[in-house]
Amino acid sequence: HLIMQDAEAAGVPMQSVESTLTIFEIFK
């Protein structure tokens, strides 16, 4: 999150490497 704050402040685009539901799918 600290890194994302710094990237956002500099206008650096961000991308997730996976779906946010991946972990949920593993456990449920």
mmCIF file of all heavy atoms, coordinates in Angstrom:
data_MODEL
# 
_entry.id   MODEL 
# 
loop_
_atom_site.group_PDB 
_atom_site.id 
_atom_site.type_symbol 
_atom_site.label_atom_id 
_atom_site.label_alt_id 
_atom_site.label_comp_id 
_atom_site.label_asym_id 
_atom_site.label_entity_id 
_atom_site.label_seq_id 
_atom_site.pdbx_PDB_ins_code 
_atom_site.Cartn_x 
_atom_site.Cartn_y 
_atom_site.Cartn_z 
_atom_site.occupancy 
_atom_site.B_iso_or_equiv 
_atom_site.pdbx_formal_charge 
_atom_site.auth_seq_id 
_atom_site.auth_comp_id 
_atom_site.auth_asym_id 
_atom_site.auth_atom_id 
_atom_site.pdbx_PDB_model_num 
ATOM 1   N N   . HIS A 1 1  ? 0.827   -1.208  0.000   1.00 0.00 ? 1  HIS A N   1 
ATOM 2   C CA  . HIS A 1 1  ? 0.000   0.000   0.000   1.00 0.00 ? 1  HIS A CA  1 
ATOM 3   C C   . HIS A 1 1  ? 0.861   1.258   0.000   1.00 0.00 ? 1  HIS A C   1 
ATOM 4   O O   . HIS A 1 1  ? 0.518   2.250   -0.663  1.00 0.00 ? 1  HIS A O   1 
ATOM 5   C CB  . HIS A 1 1  ? -0.931  -0.002  1.213   1.00 0.00 ? 1  HIS A CB  1 
ATOM 6   C CG  . HIS A 1 1  ? -2.095  -0.919  1.067   1.00 0.00 ? 1  HIS A CG  1 
ATOM 7   N ND1 . HIS A 1 1  ? -3.306  -0.517  0.536   1.00 0.00 ? 1  HIS A ND1 1 
ATOM 8   C CD2 . HIS A 1 1  ? -2.239  -2.230  1.353   1.00 0.00 ? 1  HIS A CD2 1 
ATOM 9   C CE1 . HIS A 1 1  ? -4.143  -1.533  0.518   1.00 0.00 ? 1  HIS A CE1 1 
ATOM 10  N NE2 . HIS A 1 1  ? -3.518  -2.594  1.007   1.00 0.00 ? 1  HIS A NE2 1 
ATOM 11  N N   . LEU A 1 2  ? 1.965   1.230   0.730   1.00 0.00 ? 2  LEU A N   1 
ATOM 12  C CA  . LEU A 1 2  ? 2.864   2.383   0.725   1.00 0.00 ? 2  LEU A CA  1 
ATOM 13  C C   . LEU A 1 2  ? 3.414   2.615   -0.679  1.00 0.00 ? 2  LEU A C   1 
ATOM 14  O O   . LEU A 1 2  ? 3.514   3.766   -1.140  1.00 0.00 ? 2  LEU A O   1 
ATOM 15  C CB  . LEU A 1 2  ? 4.003   2.158   1.716   1.00 0.00 ? 2  LEU A CB  1 
ATOM 16  C CG  . LEU A 1 2  ? 3.604   1.982   3.182   1.00 0.00 ? 2  LEU A CG  1 
ATOM 17  C CD1 . LEU A 1 2  ? 4.841   1.662   4.027   1.00 0.00 ? 2  LEU A CD1 1 
ATOM 18  C CD2 . LEU A 1 2  ? 2.884   3.203   3.717   1.00 0.00 ? 2  LEU A CD2 1 
ATOM 19  N N   . ILE A 1 3  ? 3.772   1.541   -1.355  1.00 0.00 ? 3  ILE A N   1 
ATOM 20  C CA  . ILE A 1 3  ? 4.277   1.644   -2.726  1.00 0.00 ? 3  ILE A CA  1 
ATOM 21  C C   . ILE A 1 3  ? 3.185   2.184   -3.654  1.00 0.00 ? 3  ILE A C   1 
ATOM 22  O O   . ILE A 1 3  ? 3.450   3.035   -4.517  1.00 0.00 ? 3  ILE A O   1 
ATOM 23  C CB  . ILE A 1 3  ? 4.787   0.274   -3.212  1.00 0.00 ? 3  ILE A CB  1 
ATOM 24  C CG1 . ILE A 1 3  ? 6.080   -0.099  -2.470  1.00 0.00 ? 3  ILE A CG1 1 
ATOM 25  C CG2 . ILE A 1 3  ? 5.030   0.279   -4.718  1.00 0.00 ? 3  ILE A CG2 1 
ATOM 26  C CD1 . ILE A 1 3  ? 6.547   -1.515  -2.727  1.00 0.00 ? 3  ILE A CD1 1 
ATOM 27  N N   . MET A 1 4  ? 1.961   1.699   -3.482  1.00 0.00 ? 4  MET A N   1 
ATOM 28  C CA  . MET A 1 4  ? 0.864   2.188   -4.325  1.00 0.00 ? 4  MET A CA  1 
ATOM 29  C C   . MET A 1 4  ? 0.601   3.667   -4.086  1.00 0.00 ? 4  MET A C   1 
ATOM 30  O O   . MET A 1 4  ? 0.281   4.409   -5.027  1.00 0.00 ? 4  MET A O   1 
ATOM 31  C CB  . MET A 1 4  ? -0.397  1.362   -4.094  1.00 0.00 ? 4  MET A CB  1 
ATOM 32  C CG  . MET A 1 4  ? -0.357  0.002   -4.763  1.00 0.00 ? 4  MET A CG  1 
ATOM 33  S SD  . MET A 1 4  ? -1.961  -0.864  -4.773  1.00 0.00 ? 4  MET A SD  1 
ATOM 34  C CE  . MET A 1 4  ? -2.030  -1.448  -3.074  1.00 0.00 ? 4  MET A CE  1 
ATOM 35  N N   . GLN A 1 5  ? 0.735   4.122   -2.853  1.00 0.00 ? 5  GLN A N   1 
ATOM 36  C CA  . GLN A 1 5  ? 0.569   5.552   -2.571  1.00 0.00 ? 5  GLN A CA  1 
ATOM 37  C C   . GLN A 1 5  ? 1.600   6.370   -3.334  1.00 0.00 ? 5  GLN A C   1 
ATOM 38  O O   . GLN A 1 5  ? 1.276   7.418   -3.917  1.00 0.00 ? 5  GLN A O   1 
ATOM 39  C CB  . GLN A 1 5  ? 0.696   5.801   -1.074  1.00 0.00 ? 5  GLN A CB  1 
ATOM 40  C CG  . GLN A 1 5  ? -0.484  5.320   -0.252  1.00 0.00 ? 5  GLN A CG  1 
ATOM 41  C CD  . GLN A 1 5  ? -0.272  5.532   1.240   1.00 0.00 ? 5  GLN A CD  1 
ATOM 42  O OE1 . GLN A 1 5  ? 0.827   5.876   1.685   1.00 0.00 ? 5  GLN A OE1 1 
ATOM 43  N NE2 . GLN A 1 5  ? -1.317  5.328   2.021   1.00 0.00 ? 5  GLN A NE2 1 
ATOM 44  N N   . ASP A 1 6  ? 2.846   5.896   -3.334  1.00 0.00 ? 6  ASP A N   1 
ATOM 45  C CA  . ASP A 1 6  ? 3.903   6.624   -4.037  1.00 0.00 ? 6  ASP A CA  1 
ATOM 46  C C   . ASP A 1 6  ? 3.673   6.610   -5.550  1.00 0.00 ? 6  ASP A C   1 
ATOM 47  O O   . ASP A 1 6  ? 3.909   7.618   -6.226  1.00 0.00 ? 6  ASP A O   1 
ATOM 48  C CB  . ASP A 1 6  ? 5.268   6.011   -3.709  1.00 0.00 ? 6  ASP A CB  1 
ATOM 49  C CG  . ASP A 1 6  ? 5.669   6.228   -2.259  1.00 0.00 ? 6  ASP A CG  1 
ATOM 50  O OD1 . ASP A 1 6  ? 5.142   7.171   -1.635  1.00 0.00 ? 6  ASP A OD1 1 
ATOM 51  O OD2 . ASP A 1 6  ? 6.494   5.446   -1.742  1.00 0.00 ? 6  ASP A OD2 1 
ATOM 52  N N   . ALA A 1 7  ? 3.219   5.465   -6.073  1.00 0.00 ? 7  ALA A N   1 
ATOM 53  C CA  . ALA A 1 7  ? 2.936   5.382   -7.504  1.00 0.00 ? 7  ALA A CA  1 
ATOM 54  C C   . ALA A 1 7  ? 1.785   6.297   -7.883  1.00 0.00 ? 7  ALA A C   1 
ATOM 55  O O   . ALA A 1 7  ? 1.839   7.009   -8.906  1.00 0.00 ? 7  ALA A O   1 
ATOM 56  C CB  . ALA A 1 7  ? 2.618   3.937   -7.884  1.00 0.00 ? 7  ALA A CB  1 
ATOM 57  N N   . GLU A 1 8  ? 0.752   6.304   -7.076  1.00 0.00 ? 8  GLU A N   1 
ATOM 58  C CA  . GLU A 1 8  ? -0.411  7.146   -7.361  1.00 0.00 ? 8  GLU A CA  1 
ATOM 59  C C   . GLU A 1 8  ? -0.022  8.615   -7.350  1.00 0.00 ? 8  GLU A C   1 
ATOM 60  O O   . GLU A 1 8  ? -0.478  9.393   -8.194  1.00 0.00 ? 8  GLU A O   1 
ATOM 61  C CB  . GLU A 1 8  ? -1.501  6.864   -6.330  1.00 0.00 ? 8  GLU A CB  1 
ATOM 62  C CG  . GLU A 1 8  ? -2.828  7.554   -6.631  1.00 0.00 ? 8  GLU A CG  1 
ATOM 63  C CD  . GLU A 1 8  ? -3.920  7.134   -5.665  1.00 0.00 ? 8  GLU A CD  1 
ATOM 64  O OE1 . GLU A 1 8  ? -3.634  7.027   -4.456  1.00 0.00 ? 8  GLU A OE1 1 
ATOM 65  O OE2 . GLU A 1 8  ? -5.068  6.914   -6.112  1.00 0.00 ? 8  GLU A OE2 1 
ATOM 66  N N   . ALA A 1 9  ? 0.824   9.010   -6.399  1.00 0.00 ? 9  ALA A N   1 
ATOM 67  C CA  . ALA A 1 9  ? 1.255   10.406  -6.312  1.00 0.00 ? 9  ALA A CA  1 
ATOM 68  C C   . ALA A 1 9  ? 2.016   10.840  -7.563  1.00 0.00 ? 9  ALA A C   1 
ATOM 69  O O   . ALA A 1 9  ? 1.977   12.020  -7.942  1.00 0.00 ? 9  ALA A O   1 
ATOM 70  C CB  . ALA A 1 9  ? 2.125   10.611  -5.075  1.00 0.00 ? 9  ALA A CB  1 
ATOM 71  N N   . ALA A 1 10 ? 2.710   9.895   -8.200  1.00 0.00 ? 10 ALA A N   1 
ATOM 72  C CA  . ALA A 1 10 ? 3.499   10.208  -9.395  1.00 0.00 ? 10 ALA A CA  1 
ATOM 73  C C   . ALA A 1 10 ? 2.740   9.920   -10.685 1.00 0.00 ? 10 ALA A C   1 
ATOM 74  O O   . ALA A 1 10 ? 3.286   10.093  -11.781 1.00 0.00 ? 10 ALA A O   1 
ATOM 75  C CB  . ALA A 1 10 ? 4.806   9.414   -9.375  1.00 0.00 ? 10 ALA A CB  1 
ATOM 76  N N   . GLY A 1 11 ? 1.505   9.472   -10.575 1.00 0.00 ? 11 GLY A N   1 
ATOM 77  C CA  . GLY A 1 11 ? 0.710   9.183   -11.765 1.00 0.00 ? 11 GLY A CA  1 
ATOM 78  C C   . GLY A 1 11 ? 1.124   7.925   -12.499 1.00 0.00 ? 11 GLY A C   1 
ATOM 79  O O   . GLY A 1 11 ? 0.853   7.775   -13.695 1.00 0.00 ? 11 GLY A O   1 
ATOM 80  N N   . VAL A 1 12 ? 1.773   7.005   -11.794 1.00 0.00 ? 12 VAL A N   1 
ATOM 81  C CA  . VAL A 1 12 ? 2.197   5.743   -12.410 1.00 0.00 ? 12 VAL A CA  1 
ATOM 82  C C   . VAL A 1 12 ? 0.999   4.800   -12.482 1.00 0.00 ? 12 VAL A C   1 
ATOM 83  O O   . VAL A 1 12 ? 0.333   4.562   -11.469 1.00 0.00 ? 12 VAL A O   1 
ATOM 84  C CB  . VAL A 1 12 ? 3.325   5.081   -11.597 1.00 0.00 ? 12 VAL A CB  1 
ATOM 85  C CG1 . VAL A 1 12 ? 3.703   3.719   -12.189 1.00 0.00 ? 12 VAL A CG1 1 
ATOM 86  C CG2 . VAL A 1 12 ? 4.544   5.996   -11.541 1.00 0.00 ? 12 VAL A CG2 1 
ATOM 87  N N   . PRO A 1 13 ? 0.680   4.259   -13.655 1.00 0.00 ? 13 PRO A N   1 
ATOM 88  C CA  . PRO A 1 13 ? -0.453  3.332   -13.758 1.00 0.00 ? 13 PRO A CA  1 
ATOM 89  C C   . PRO A 1 13 ? -0.182  2.040   -12.995 1.00 0.00 ? 13 PRO A C   1 
ATOM 90  O O   . PRO A 1 13 ? 0.973   1.635   -12.820 1.00 0.00 ? 13 PRO A O   1 
ATOM 91  C CB  . PRO A 1 13 ? -0.571  3.072   -15.263 1.00 0.00 ? 13 PRO A CB  1 
ATOM 92  C CG  . PRO A 1 13 ? 0.770   3.398   -15.815 1.00 0.00 ? 13 PRO A CG  1 
ATOM 93  C CD  . PRO A 1 13 ? 1.333   4.482   -14.948 1.00 0.00 ? 13 PRO A CD  1 
ATOM 94  N N   . MET A 1 14 ? -1.260  1.412   -12.542 1.00 0.00 ? 14 MET A N   1 
ATOM 95  C CA  . MET A 1 14 ? -1.151  0.184   -11.761 1.00 0.00 ? 14 MET A CA  1 
ATOM 96  C C   . MET A 1 14 ? -1.985  -0.920  -12.390 1.00 0.00 ? 14 MET A C   1 
ATOM 97  O O   . MET A 1 14 ? -3.011  -0.667  -13.007 1.00 0.00 ? 14 MET A O   1 
ATOM 98  C CB  . MET A 1 14 ? -1.619  0.423   -10.319 1.00 0.00 ? 14 MET A CB  1 
ATOM 99  C CG  . MET A 1 14 ? -0.723  1.325   -9.514  1.00 0.00 ? 14 MET A CG  1 
ATOM 100 S SD  . MET A 1 14 ? -1.391  1.636   -7.860  1.00 0.00 ? 14 MET A SD  1 
ATOM 101 C CE  . MET A 1 14 ? -1.813  3.378   -7.979  1.00 0.00 ? 14 MET A CE  1 
ATOM 102 N N   . GLN A 1 15 ? -1.529  -2.149  -12.176 1.00 0.00 ? 15 GLN A N   1 
ATOM 103 C CA  . GLN A 1 15 ? -2.226  -3.319  -12.705 1.00 0.00 ? 15 GLN A CA  1 
ATOM 104 C C   . GLN A 1 15 ? -2.123  -4.459  -11.710 1.00 0.00 ? 15 GLN A C   1 
ATOM 105 O O   . GLN A 1 15 ? -1.064  -4.707  -11.135 1.00 0.00 ? 15 GLN A O   1 
ATOM 106 C CB  . GLN A 1 15 ? -1.608  -3.743  -14.042 1.00 0.00 ? 15 GLN A CB  1 
ATOM 107 C CG  . GLN A 1 15 ? -2.242  -4.998  -14.649 1.00 0.00 ? 15 GLN A CG  1 
ATOM 108 C CD  . GLN A 1 15 ? -1.560  -5.421  -15.936 1.00 0.00 ? 15 GLN A CD  1 
ATOM 109 O OE1 . GLN A 1 15 ? -0.768  -4.666  -16.518 1.00 0.00 ? 15 GLN A OE1 1 
ATOM 110 N NE2 . GLN A 1 15 ? -1.852  -6.614  -16.396 1.00 0.00 ? 15 GLN A NE2 1 
ATOM 111 N N   . SER A 1 16 ? -3.235  -5.170  -11.508 1.00 0.00 ? 16 SER A N   1 
ATOM 112 C CA  . SER A 1 16 ? -3.225  -6.352  -10.643 1.00 0.00 ? 16 SER A CA  1 
ATOM 113 C C   . SER A 1 16 ? -2.724  -7.552  -11.426 1.00 0.00 ? 16 SER A C   1 
ATOM 114 O O   . SER A 1 16 ? -2.994  -7.680  -12.629 1.00 0.00 ? 16 SER A O   1 
ATOM 115 C CB  . SER A 1 16 ? -4.625  -6.635  -10.111 1.00 0.00 ? 16 SER A CB  1 
ATOM 116 O OG  . SER A 1 16 ? -5.091  -5.574  -9.305  1.00 0.00 ? 16 SER A OG  1 
ATOM 117 N N   . VAL A 1 17 ? -2.014  -8.439  -10.749 1.00 0.00 ? 17 VAL A N   1 
ATOM 118 C CA  . VAL A 1 17 ? -1.517  -9.643  -11.410 1.00 0.00 ? 17 VAL A CA  1 
ATOM 119 C C   . VAL A 1 17 ? -2.554  -10.765 -11.397 1.00 0.00 ? 17 VAL A C   1 
ATOM 120 O O   . VAL A 1 17 ? -2.380  -11.780 -12.079 1.00 0.00 ? 17 VAL A O   1 
ATOM 121 C CB  . VAL A 1 17 ? -0.209  -10.147 -10.767 1.00 0.00 ? 17 VAL A CB  1 
ATOM 122 C CG1 . VAL A 1 17 ? 0.922   -9.164  -11.029 1.00 0.00 ? 17 VAL A CG1 1 
ATOM 123 C CG2 . VAL A 1 17 ? -0.383  -10.398 -9.279  1.00 0.00 ? 17 VAL A CG2 1 
ATOM 124 N N   . GLU A 1 18 ? -3.634  -10.595 -10.617 1.00 0.00 ? 18 GLU A N   1 
ATOM 125 C CA  . GLU A 1 18 ? -4.659  -11.621 -10.553 1.00 0.00 ? 18 GLU A CA  1 
ATOM 126 C C   . GLU A 1 18 ? -5.984  -10.989 -10.159 1.00 0.00 ? 18 GLU A C   1 
ATOM 127 O O   . GLU A 1 18 ? -6.042  -9.836  -9.722  1.00 0.00 ? 18 GLU A O   1 
ATOM 128 C CB  . GLU A 1 18 ? -4.288  -12.711 -9.546  1.00 0.00 ? 18 GLU A CB  1 
ATOM 129 C CG  . GLU A 1 18 ? -4.255  -12.242 -8.098  1.00 0.00 ? 18 GLU A CG  1 
ATOM 130 C CD  . GLU A 1 18 ? -3.841  -13.338 -7.123  1.00 0.00 ? 18 GLU A CD  1 
ATOM 131 O OE1 . GLU A 1 18 ? -3.569  -14.468 -7.544  1.00 0.00 ? 18 GLU A OE1 1 
ATOM 132 O OE2 . GLU A 1 18 ? -3.782  -13.036 -5.908  1.00 0.00 ? 18 GLU A OE2 1 
ATOM 133 N N   . SER A 1 19 ? -7.044  -11.751 -10.283 1.00 0.00 ? 19 SER A N   1 
ATOM 134 C CA  . SER A 1 19 ? -8.354  -11.315 -9.826  1.00 0.00 ? 19 SER A CA  1 
ATOM 135 C C   . SER A 1 19 ? -8.360  -11.201 -8.307  1.00 0.00 ? 19 SER A C   1 
ATOM 136 O O   . SER A 1 19 ? -7.742  -12.003 -7.605  1.00 0.00 ? 19 SER A O   1 
ATOM 137 C CB  . SER A 1 19 ? -9.427  -12.315 -10.271 1.00 0.00 ? 19 SER A CB  1 
ATOM 138 O OG  . SER A 1 19 ? -10.642 -12.115 -9.561  1.00 0.00 ? 19 SER A OG  1 
ATOM 139 N N   . THR A 1 20 ? -9.081  -10.208 -7.795  1.00 0.00 ? 20 THR A N   1 
ATOM 140 C CA  . THR A 1 20 ? -9.169  -10.046 -6.346  1.00 0.00 ? 20 THR A CA  1 
ATOM 141 C C   . THR A 1 20 ? -9.944  -11.185 -5.693  1.00 0.00 ? 20 THR A C   1 
ATOM 142 O O   . THR A 1 20 ? -9.909  -11.333 -4.469  1.00 0.00 ? 20 THR A O   1 
ATOM 143 C CB  . THR A 1 20 ? -9.858  -8.714  -5.990  1.00 0.00 ? 20 THR A CB  1 
ATOM 144 O OG1 . THR A 1 20 ? -11.103 -8.627  -6.690  1.00 0.00 ? 20 THR A OG1 1 
ATOM 145 C CG2 . THR A 1 20 ? -8.974  -7.546  -6.370  1.00 0.00 ? 20 THR A CG2 1 
ATOM 146 N N   . LEU A 1 21 ? -10.624 -12.003 -6.482  1.00 0.00 ? 21 LEU A N   1 
ATOM 147 C CA  . LEU A 1 21 ? -11.385 -13.127 -5.925  1.00 0.00 ? 21 LEU A CA  1 
ATOM 148 C C   . LEU A 1 21 ? -10.571 -14.413 -5.867  1.00 0.00 ? 21 LEU A C   1 
ATOM 149 O O   . LEU A 1 21 ? -11.073 -15.433 -5.393  1.00 0.00 ? 21 LEU A O   1 
ATOM 150 C CB  . LEU A 1 21 ? -12.651 -13.366 -6.751  1.00 0.00 ? 21 LEU A CB  1 
ATOM 151 C CG  . LEU A 1 21 ? -13.732 -12.289 -6.656  1.00 0.00 ? 21 LEU A CG  1 
ATOM 152 C CD1 . LEU A 1 21 ? -14.905 -12.640 -7.573  1.00 0.00 ? 21 LEU A CD1 1 
ATOM 153 C CD2 . LEU A 1 21 ? -14.218 -12.122 -5.224  1.00 0.00 ? 21 LEU A CD2 1 
ATOM 154 N N   . THR A 1 22 ? -9.325  -14.382 -6.321  1.00 0.00 ? 22 THR A N   1 
ATOM 155 C CA  . THR A 1 22 ? -8.527  -15.608 -6.394  1.00 0.00 ? 22 THR A CA  1 
ATOM 156 C C   . THR A 1 22 ? -8.413  -16.292 -5.036  1.00 0.00 ? 22 THR A C   1 
ATOM 157 O O   . THR A 1 22 ? -8.648  -17.503 -4.909  1.00 0.00 ? 22 THR A O   1 
ATOM 158 C CB  . THR A 1 22 ? -7.124  -15.305 -6.938  1.00 0.00 ? 22 THR A CB  1 
ATOM 159 O OG1 . THR A 1 22 ? -7.240  -14.762 -8.259  1.00 0.00 ? 22 THR A OG1 1 
ATOM 160 C CG2 . THR A 1 22 ? -6.287  -16.575 -6.982  1.00 0.00 ? 22 THR A CG2 1 
ATOM 161 N N   . ILE A 1 23 ? -8.037  -15.554 -4.015  1.00 0.00 ? 23 ILE A N   1 
ATOM 162 C CA  . ILE A 1 23 ? -7.861  -16.145 -2.685  1.00 0.00 ? 23 ILE A CA  1 
ATOM 163 C C   . ILE A 1 23 ? -9.178  -16.692 -2.159  1.00 0.00 ? 23 ILE A C   1 
ATOM 164 O O   . ILE A 1 23 ? -9.225  -17.769 -1.550  1.00 0.00 ? 23 ILE A O   1 
ATOM 165 C CB  . ILE A 1 23 ? -7.284  -15.112 -1.705  1.00 0.00 ? 23 ILE A CB  1 
ATOM 166 C CG1 . ILE A 1 23 ? -5.846  -14.770 -2.087  1.00 0.00 ? 23 ILE A CG1 1 
ATOM 167 C CG2 . ILE A 1 23 ? -7.325  -15.640 -0.276  1.00 0.00 ? 23 ILE A CG2 1 
ATOM 168 C CD1 . ILE A 1 23 ? -4.886  -15.935 -1.974  1.00 0.00 ? 23 ILE A CD1 1 
ATOM 169 N N   . PHE A 1 24 ? -10.273 -15.964 -2.413  1.00 0.00 ? 24 PHE A N   1 
ATOM 170 C CA  . PHE A 1 24 ? -11.574 -16.436 -1.951  1.00 0.00 ? 24 PHE A CA  1 
ATOM 171 C C   . PHE A 1 24 ? -11.915 -17.777 -2.585  1.00 0.00 ? 24 PHE A C   1 
ATOM 172 O O   . PHE A 1 24 ? -12.455 -18.672 -1.926  1.00 0.00 ? 24 PHE A O   1 
ATOM 173 C CB  . PHE A 1 24 ? -12.658 -15.405 -2.286  1.00 0.00 ? 24 PHE A CB  1 
ATOM 174 C CG  . PHE A 1 24 ? -12.459 -14.078 -1.626  1.00 0.00 ? 24 PHE A CG  1 
ATOM 175 C CD1 . PHE A 1 24 ? -11.770 -13.064 -2.268  1.00 0.00 ? 24 PHE A CD1 1 
ATOM 176 C CD2 . PHE A 1 24 ? -12.949 -13.825 -0.357  1.00 0.00 ? 24 PHE A CD2 1 
ATOM 177 C CE1 . PHE A 1 24 ? -11.574 -11.838 -1.671  1.00 0.00 ? 24 PHE A CE1 1 
ATOM 178 C CE2 . PHE A 1 24 ? -12.773 -12.597 0.258   1.00 0.00 ? 24 PHE A CE2 1 
ATOM 179 C CZ  . PHE A 1 24 ? -12.075 -11.597 -0.399  1.00 0.00 ? 24 PHE A CZ  1 
ATOM 180 N N   . GLU A 1 25 ? -11.591 -17.908 -3.851  1.00 0.00 ? 25 GLU A N   1 
ATOM 181 C CA  . GLU A 1 25 ? -11.896 -19.155 -4.562  1.00 0.00 ? 25 GLU A CA  1 
ATOM 182 C C   . GLU A 1 25 ? -11.092 -20.314 -3.984  1.00 0.00 ? 25 GLU A C   1 
ATOM 183 O O   . GLU A 1 25 ? -11.588 -21.443 -3.907  1.00 0.00 ? 25 GLU A O   1 
ATOM 184 C CB  . GLU A 1 25 ? -11.588 -18.994 -6.051  1.00 0.00 ? 25 GLU A CB  1 
ATOM 185 C CG  . GLU A 1 25 ? -12.446 -17.967 -6.774  1.00 0.00 ? 25 GLU A CG  1 
ATOM 186 C CD  . GLU A 1 25 ? -13.906 -18.356 -6.831  1.00 0.00 ? 25 GLU A CD  1 
ATOM 187 O OE1 . GLU A 1 25 ? -14.200 -19.566 -6.747  1.00 0.00 ? 25 GLU A OE1 1 
ATOM 188 O OE2 . GLU A 1 25 ? -14.753 -17.449 -6.949  1.00 0.00 ? 25 GLU A OE2 1 
ATOM 189 N N   . ILE A 1 26 ? -9.864  -20.055 -3.566  1.00 0.00 ? 26 ILE A N   1 
ATOM 190 C CA  . ILE A 1 26 ? -9.028  -21.118 -3.009  1.00 0.00 ? 26 ILE A CA  1 
ATOM 191 C C   . ILE A 1 26 ? -9.650  -21.682 -1.740  1.00 0.00 ? 26 ILE A C   1 
ATOM 192 O O   . ILE A 1 26 ? -9.704  -22.895 -1.534  1.00 0.00 ? 26 ILE A O   1 
ATOM 193 C CB  . ILE A 1 26 ? -7.607  -20.595 -2.726  1.00 0.00 ? 26 ILE A CB  1 
ATOM 194 C CG1 . ILE A 1 26 ? -6.866  -20.318 -4.050  1.00 0.00 ? 26 ILE A CG1 1 
ATOM 195 C CG2 . ILE A 1 26 ? -6.809  -21.601 -1.888  1.00 0.00 ? 26 ILE A CG2 1 
ATOM 196 C CD1 . ILE A 1 26 ? -5.520  -19.655 -3.866  1.00 0.00 ? 26 ILE A CD1 1 
ATOM 197 N N   . PHE A 1 27 ? -10.138 -20.790 -0.883  1.00 0.00 ? 27 PHE A N   1 
ATOM 198 C CA  . PHE A 1 27 ? -10.601 -21.229 0.428   1.00 0.00 ? 27 PHE A CA  1 
ATOM 199 C C   . PHE A 1 27 ? -12.041 -21.714 0.451   1.00 0.00 ? 27 PHE A C   1 
ATOM 200 O O   . PHE A 1 27 ? -12.369 -22.681 1.126   1.00 0.00 ? 27 PHE A O   1 
ATOM 201 C CB  . PHE A 1 27 ? -10.433 -20.101 1.446   1.00 0.00 ? 27 PHE A CB  1 
ATOM 202 C CG  . PHE A 1 27 ? -9.013  -19.853 1.826   1.00 0.00 ? 27 PHE A CG  1 
ATOM 203 C CD1 . PHE A 1 27 ? -8.346  -18.729 1.371   1.00 0.00 ? 27 PHE A CD1 1 
ATOM 204 C CD2 . PHE A 1 27 ? -8.322  -20.747 2.621   1.00 0.00 ? 27 PHE A CD2 1 
ATOM 205 C CE1 . PHE A 1 27 ? -7.030  -18.502 1.702   1.00 0.00 ? 27 PHE A CE1 1 
ATOM 206 C CE2 . PHE A 1 27 ? -7.004  -20.534 2.960   1.00 0.00 ? 27 PHE A CE2 1 
ATOM 207 C CZ  . PHE A 1 27 ? -6.357  -19.403 2.509   1.00 0.00 ? 27 PHE A CZ  1 
ATOM 208 N N   . LYS A 1 28 ? -12.902 -21.044 -0.276  1.00 0.00 ? 28 LYS A N   1 
ATOM 209 C CA  . LYS A 1 28 ? -14.319 -21.339 -0.108  1.00 0.00 ? 28 LYS A CA  1 
ATOM 210 C C   . LYS A 1 28 ? -14.714 -22.680 -0.694  1.00 0.00 ? 28 LYS A C   1 
ATOM 211 O O   . LYS A 1 28 ? -15.792 -23.191 -0.387  1.00 0.00 ? 28 LYS A O   1 
ATOM 212 C CB  . LYS A 1 28 ? -15.171 -20.221 -0.720  1.00 0.00 ? 28 LYS A CB  1 
ATOM 213 C CG  . LYS A 1 28 ? -15.251 -20.227 -2.243  1.00 0.00 ? 28 LYS A CG  1 
ATOM 214 C CD  . LYS A 1 28 ? -16.183 -19.141 -2.727  1.00 0.00 ? 28 LYS A CD  1 
ATOM 215 C CE  . LYS A 1 28 ? -16.392 -19.202 -4.239  1.00 0.00 ? 28 LYS A CE  1 
ATOM 216 N NZ  . LYS A 1 28 ? -17.314 -18.159 -4.716  1.00 0.00 ? 28 LYS A NZ  1 
# 
